[in-house]
Amino acid sequence: PGDDRMRTSPSEALRRLPGPAGERSAVLMRHGTMKLEFYAPRGHDPQQPHARDELYIVHSGTGEFVHGTQRTRFAAGDAFLVPAGQEHRFEHFSDDFATGAVFWGPPAGEPA
């Protein structure tokens, strides 16, 4: 549900989280190779590198984003591009942290 619409909102996403099995992400929209998810981990961020390019747009909260060898402080409104296969995670984030995550393109990512 929710993955074939052409409009969505953060409030809709937050209503769907956590999911019935405790999921901390929800797919909100798909179109072609693009997939929009809303991600709101609690306590720690267990994610592993993804097969496709990804764009995070922070909806709420603060913390640190670790990507490759860099560590960057973040706040609502910040955006991060993560090439396919790159190690990344959110750390030391506030309890209200939530972000949109847009995935697109082929496995292994697009050429730079």
N, C-alpha and C. Protein backbone atom coordinates (compact mmCIF):
# COMPACT_ATOMS: atom_id res chain seq x y z
N PRO A 1 0.83 -1.20 0.00
CA PRO A 1 0.00 0.00 0.00
C PRO A 1 0.86 1.25 0.00
N GLY A 2 0.37 2.28 -0.65
CA GLY A 2 1.05 3.56 -0.61
C GLY A 2 2.18 3.71 -1.60
N ASP A 3 2.47 2.68 -2.39
CA ASP A 3 3.65 2.78 -3.25
C ASP A 3 3.33 3.17 -4.69
N ASP A 4 2.07 3.42 -5.02
CA ASP A 4 1.75 3.80 -6.39
C ASP A 4 1.10 5.18 -6.48
N ARG A 5 1.13 5.94 -5.42
CA ARG A 5 0.54 7.28 -5.41
C ARG A 5 1.50 8.30 -5.99
N MET A 6 0.96 9.43 -6.39
CA MET A 6 1.79 10.51 -6.93
C MET A 6 1.95 11.64 -5.91
N ARG A 7 1.37 11.50 -4.72
CA ARG A 7 1.51 12.49 -3.65
C ARG A 7 1.53 11.77 -2.31
N THR A 8 2.37 12.25 -1.40
CA THR A 8 2.42 11.71 -0.05
C THR A 8 2.93 12.82 0.87
N SER A 9 3.02 12.56 2.16
CA SER A 9 3.49 13.58 3.10
C SER A 9 4.19 12.91 4.28
N PRO A 10 5.06 13.66 4.97
CA PRO A 10 5.71 13.11 6.17
C PRO A 10 4.70 12.70 7.23
N SER A 11 3.61 13.44 7.39
CA SER A 11 2.63 13.06 8.41
C SER A 11 2.01 11.70 8.09
N GLU A 12 1.76 11.43 6.81
CA GLU A 12 1.24 10.12 6.42
C GLU A 12 2.25 9.03 6.76
N ALA A 13 3.52 9.30 6.46
CA ALA A 13 4.57 8.33 6.74
C ALA A 13 4.67 8.05 8.23
N LEU A 14 4.65 9.08 9.05
CA LEU A 14 4.77 8.89 10.49
C LEU A 14 3.60 8.10 11.06
N ARG A 15 2.42 8.24 10.47
CA ARG A 15 1.26 7.44 10.91
C ARG A 15 1.48 5.95 10.65
N ARG A 16 2.30 5.62 9.67
CA ARG A 16 2.52 4.22 9.29
C ARG A 16 3.67 3.57 10.05
N LEU A 17 4.38 4.36 10.86
CA LEU A 17 5.55 3.83 11.59
C LEU A 17 5.32 3.90 13.09
N PRO A 18 5.78 2.95 13.85
CA PRO A 18 6.39 1.71 13.36
C PRO A 18 5.34 0.82 12.70
N GLY A 19 5.83 -0.05 11.81
CA GLY A 19 4.95 -0.99 11.12
C GLY A 19 4.50 -2.10 12.04
N PRO A 20 3.65 -3.00 11.55
CA PRO A 20 3.08 -4.05 12.39
C PRO A 20 4.12 -4.98 13.01
N ALA A 21 5.26 -5.13 12.37
CA ALA A 21 6.33 -5.97 12.93
C ALA A 21 7.47 -5.12 13.47
N GLY A 22 7.18 -3.83 13.78
CA GLY A 22 8.20 -2.95 14.33
C GLY A 22 9.06 -2.26 13.28
N GLU A 23 8.70 -2.37 12.01
CA GLU A 23 9.48 -1.75 10.94
C GLU A 23 9.65 -0.26 11.19
N ARG A 24 10.84 0.26 10.87
CA ARG A 24 11.13 1.68 11.04
C ARG A 24 11.24 2.40 9.71
N SER A 25 10.85 1.73 8.61
CA SER A 25 10.79 2.40 7.30
C SER A 25 9.52 1.95 6.59
N ALA A 26 9.05 2.83 5.71
CA ALA A 26 7.84 2.54 4.93
C ALA A 26 8.02 3.07 3.53
N VAL A 27 7.66 2.27 2.53
CA VAL A 27 7.68 2.73 1.14
C VAL A 27 6.45 3.60 0.93
N LEU A 28 6.69 4.80 0.43
CA LEU A 28 5.59 5.75 0.21
C LEU A 28 5.21 5.91 -1.24
N MET A 29 6.18 5.68 -2.14
CA MET A 29 5.91 5.98 -3.55
C MET A 29 6.94 5.25 -4.43
N ARG A 30 6.49 4.84 -5.60
CA ARG A 30 7.37 4.25 -6.62
C ARG A 30 6.99 4.83 -7.98
N HIS A 31 8.02 4.98 -8.82
CA HIS A 31 7.78 5.38 -10.21
C HIS A 31 9.03 5.00 -10.99
N GLY A 32 8.90 4.12 -11.97
CA GLY A 32 10.08 3.66 -12.71
C GLY A 32 11.09 3.06 -11.74
N THR A 33 12.33 3.52 -11.83
CA THR A 33 13.36 3.00 -10.93
C THR A 33 13.38 3.72 -9.59
N MET A 34 12.58 4.78 -9.44
CA MET A 34 12.58 5.57 -8.22
C MET A 34 11.69 4.94 -7.15
N LYS A 35 12.22 4.94 -5.92
CA LYS A 35 11.43 4.50 -4.76
C LYS A 35 11.66 5.50 -3.64
N LEU A 36 10.58 6.00 -3.03
CA LEU A 36 10.66 6.91 -1.90
C LEU A 36 10.27 6.15 -0.64
N GLU A 37 11.16 6.17 0.33
CA GLU A 37 10.88 5.58 1.63
C GLU A 37 10.96 6.66 2.69
N PHE A 38 10.33 6.41 3.81
CA PHE A 38 10.46 7.26 4.99
C PHE A 38 11.08 6.39 6.05
N TYR A 39 12.15 6.88 6.70
CA TYR A 39 12.95 6.08 7.63
C TYR A 39 13.05 6.81 8.96
N ALA A 40 12.69 6.12 10.02
CA ALA A 40 12.73 6.71 11.37
C ALA A 40 13.26 5.68 12.35
N PRO A 41 14.58 5.43 12.34
CA PRO A 41 15.14 4.44 13.27
C PRO A 41 15.05 4.95 14.71
N ARG A 42 15.12 4.06 15.65
CA ARG A 42 15.11 4.43 17.06
C ARG A 42 16.30 3.74 17.74
N GLY A 43 17.09 4.53 18.45
CA GLY A 43 18.23 3.98 19.20
C GLY A 43 19.50 3.83 18.39
N HIS A 44 19.43 3.07 17.31
CA HIS A 44 20.60 2.89 16.43
C HIS A 44 20.12 2.68 15.00
N ASP A 45 21.04 2.85 14.07
CA ASP A 45 20.74 2.71 12.64
C ASP A 45 21.50 1.48 12.13
N PRO A 46 20.81 0.37 11.90
CA PRO A 46 21.49 -0.86 11.51
C PRO A 46 21.71 -1.05 10.01
N GLN A 47 21.45 -0.04 9.21
CA GLN A 47 21.46 -0.26 7.77
C GLN A 47 22.86 -0.59 7.22
N GLN A 48 22.85 -1.27 6.11
CA GLN A 48 24.04 -1.66 5.37
C GLN A 48 24.04 -0.92 4.03
N PRO A 49 25.17 -0.90 3.31
CA PRO A 49 25.20 -0.23 2.00
C PRO A 49 24.09 -0.77 1.08
N HIS A 50 23.58 0.12 0.24
CA HIS A 50 22.51 -0.23 -0.69
C HIS A 50 23.06 -0.43 -2.09
N ALA A 51 22.32 -1.19 -2.90
CA ALA A 51 22.75 -1.50 -4.26
C ALA A 51 22.51 -0.35 -5.24
N ARG A 52 21.66 0.61 -4.85
CA ARG A 52 21.35 1.72 -5.76
C ARG A 52 21.72 3.06 -5.11
N ASP A 53 21.84 4.09 -5.94
CA ASP A 53 22.11 5.42 -5.43
C ASP A 53 20.95 5.85 -4.53
N GLU A 54 21.27 6.73 -3.56
CA GLU A 54 20.28 7.12 -2.58
C GLU A 54 20.45 8.59 -2.20
N LEU A 55 19.33 9.25 -1.98
CA LEU A 55 19.32 10.63 -1.52
C LEU A 55 18.48 10.69 -0.26
N TYR A 56 19.09 11.17 0.84
CA TYR A 56 18.37 11.39 2.09
C TYR A 56 18.01 12.87 2.18
N ILE A 57 16.80 13.16 2.63
CA ILE A 57 16.40 14.52 2.96
C ILE A 57 15.83 14.45 4.37
N VAL A 58 16.55 15.05 5.32
CA VAL A 58 16.19 14.94 6.73
C VAL A 58 14.93 15.74 7.00
N HIS A 59 13.93 15.05 7.54
CA HIS A 59 12.64 15.67 7.87
C HIS A 59 12.68 16.33 9.24
N SER A 60 13.21 15.62 10.24
CA SER A 60 13.24 16.16 11.60
C SER A 60 14.40 15.54 12.37
N GLY A 61 14.81 16.24 13.42
CA GLY A 61 15.85 15.73 14.30
C GLY A 61 17.24 16.24 13.95
N THR A 62 18.18 15.84 14.79
CA THR A 62 19.59 16.19 14.63
C THR A 62 20.43 14.96 14.93
N GLY A 63 21.69 15.01 14.54
CA GLY A 63 22.61 13.91 14.82
C GLY A 63 23.83 14.01 13.94
N GLU A 64 24.46 12.87 13.70
CA GLU A 64 25.63 12.79 12.83
C GLU A 64 25.37 11.77 11.74
N PHE A 65 25.81 12.09 10.53
CA PHE A 65 25.71 11.18 9.39
C PHE A 65 27.12 10.73 9.05
N VAL A 66 27.33 9.43 9.06
CA VAL A 66 28.63 8.86 8.71
C VAL A 66 28.50 8.31 7.30
N HIS A 67 29.36 8.79 6.40
CA HIS A 67 29.32 8.34 5.01
C HIS A 67 30.76 8.22 4.52
N GLY A 68 31.12 6.99 4.15
CA GLY A 68 32.51 6.75 3.77
C GLY A 68 33.39 7.05 4.97
N THR A 69 34.37 7.92 4.79
CA THR A 69 35.28 8.29 5.88
C THR A 69 34.89 9.61 6.54
N GLN A 70 33.76 10.19 6.14
CA GLN A 70 33.34 11.49 6.67
C GLN A 70 32.26 11.34 7.74
N ARG A 71 32.24 12.28 8.64
CA ARG A 71 31.20 12.38 9.69
C ARG A 71 30.70 13.82 9.64
N THR A 72 29.37 13.99 9.46
CA THR A 72 28.78 15.32 9.27
C THR A 72 27.60 15.50 10.22
N ARG A 73 27.56 16.61 10.95
CA ARG A 73 26.39 16.95 11.76
C ARG A 73 25.22 17.26 10.83
N PHE A 74 24.01 16.89 11.24
CA PHE A 74 22.84 17.18 10.41
C PHE A 74 21.71 17.73 11.25
N ALA A 75 20.79 18.39 10.54
CA ALA A 75 19.54 18.92 11.12
C ALA A 75 18.47 18.85 10.04
N ALA A 76 17.24 19.10 10.43
CA ALA A 76 16.12 19.07 9.49
C ALA A 76 16.41 19.96 8.29
N GLY A 77 16.13 19.44 7.11
CA GLY A 77 16.35 20.16 5.87
C GLY A 77 17.63 19.79 5.16
N ASP A 78 18.58 19.16 5.86
CA ASP A 78 19.83 18.75 5.21
C ASP A 78 19.57 17.58 4.28
N ALA A 79 20.41 17.48 3.25
CA ALA A 79 20.30 16.39 2.28
C ALA A 79 21.68 15.75 2.09
N PHE A 80 21.69 14.44 1.86
CA PHE A 80 22.92 13.69 1.65
C PHE A 80 22.77 12.75 0.46
N LEU A 81 23.71 12.80 -0.46
CA LEU A 81 23.76 11.87 -1.58
C LEU A 81 24.70 10.73 -1.19
N VAL A 82 24.24 9.49 -1.37
CA VAL A 82 25.04 8.32 -1.05
C VAL A 82 25.13 7.45 -2.30
N PRO A 83 26.32 7.36 -2.91
CA PRO A 83 26.46 6.48 -4.07
C PRO A 83 26.22 5.01 -3.70
N ALA A 84 25.75 4.24 -4.64
CA ALA A 84 25.51 2.82 -4.42
C ALA A 84 26.75 2.16 -3.83
N GLY A 85 26.54 1.31 -2.83
CA GLY A 85 27.63 0.54 -2.24
C GLY A 85 28.42 1.24 -1.15
N GLN A 86 28.18 2.54 -0.91
CA GLN A 86 28.97 3.26 0.10
C GLN A 86 28.43 2.98 1.50
N GLU A 87 29.34 2.71 2.44
CA GLU A 87 28.98 2.57 3.85
C GLU A 87 28.39 3.89 4.32
N HIS A 88 27.31 3.83 5.08
CA HIS A 88 26.71 5.03 5.65
C HIS A 88 25.74 4.63 6.76
N ARG A 89 25.54 5.58 7.69
CA ARG A 89 24.60 5.37 8.78
C ARG A 89 24.41 6.68 9.54
N PHE A 90 23.33 6.74 10.28
CA PHE A 90 23.06 7.87 11.15
C PHE A 90 23.45 7.47 12.57
N GLU A 91 24.11 8.38 13.29
CA GLU A 91 24.54 8.12 14.67
C GLU A 91 24.18 9.29 15.56
N HIS A 92 24.08 9.01 16.85
CA HIS A 92 23.86 10.04 17.87
C HIS A 92 22.68 10.94 17.50
N PHE A 93 21.61 10.33 16.99
CA PHE A 93 20.47 11.12 16.53
C PHE A 93 19.43 11.28 17.64
N SER A 94 18.68 12.38 17.53
CA SER A 94 17.64 12.70 18.50
C SER A 94 16.45 11.75 18.34
N ASP A 95 15.62 11.70 19.38
CA ASP A 95 14.47 10.78 19.37
C ASP A 95 13.45 11.09 18.28
N ASP A 96 13.45 12.33 17.78
CA ASP A 96 12.49 12.70 16.74
C ASP A 96 13.06 12.58 15.33
N PHE A 97 14.22 11.95 15.18
CA PHE A 97 14.86 11.83 13.86
C PHE A 97 13.99 11.04 12.89
N ALA A 98 13.81 11.60 11.70
CA ALA A 98 13.11 10.93 10.59
C ALA A 98 13.63 11.54 9.29
N THR A 99 13.73 10.72 8.26
CA THR A 99 14.26 11.18 6.98
C THR A 99 13.55 10.51 5.81
N GLY A 100 13.46 11.23 4.72
CA GLY A 100 13.03 10.64 3.47
C GLY A 100 14.26 10.02 2.81
N ALA A 101 14.07 8.94 2.08
CA ALA A 101 15.16 8.28 1.36
C ALA A 101 14.67 7.94 -0.04
N VAL A 102 15.31 8.53 -1.05
CA VAL A 102 14.94 8.29 -2.44
C VAL A 102 16.01 7.39 -3.05
N PHE A 103 15.60 6.24 -3.58
CA PHE A 103 16.49 5.31 -4.28
C PHE A 103 16.15 5.39 -5.76
N TRP A 104 17.15 5.27 -6.63
CA TRP A 104 16.88 5.30 -8.07
C TRP A 104 18.03 4.64 -8.83
N GLY A 105 17.78 4.41 -10.09
CA GLY A 105 18.80 3.94 -11.01
C GLY A 105 19.06 2.45 -10.95
N PRO A 106 20.08 2.04 -11.71
CA PRO A 106 20.39 0.61 -11.80
C PRO A 106 21.18 0.13 -10.60
N PRO A 107 21.21 -1.20 -10.37
CA PRO A 107 22.10 -1.74 -9.35
C PRO A 107 23.55 -1.28 -9.65
N ALA A 108 24.29 -0.99 -8.61
CA ALA A 108 25.66 -0.48 -8.67
C ALA A 108 25.70 1.01 -8.97
N GLY A 109 24.55 1.66 -9.15
CA GLY A 109 24.48 3.09 -9.29
C GLY A 109 24.72 3.60 -10.70
N GLU A 110 24.52 4.90 -10.83
CA GLU A 110 24.74 5.58 -12.11
C GLU A 110 26.16 6.12 -12.17
N PRO A 111 26.70 6.31 -13.37
CA PRO A 111 28.02 6.93 -13.48
C PRO A 111 27.96 8.37 -12.97
N ALA A 112 29.04 8.82 -12.38
CA ALA A 112 29.09 10.19 -11.83
C ALA A 112 29.04 11.23 -12.92
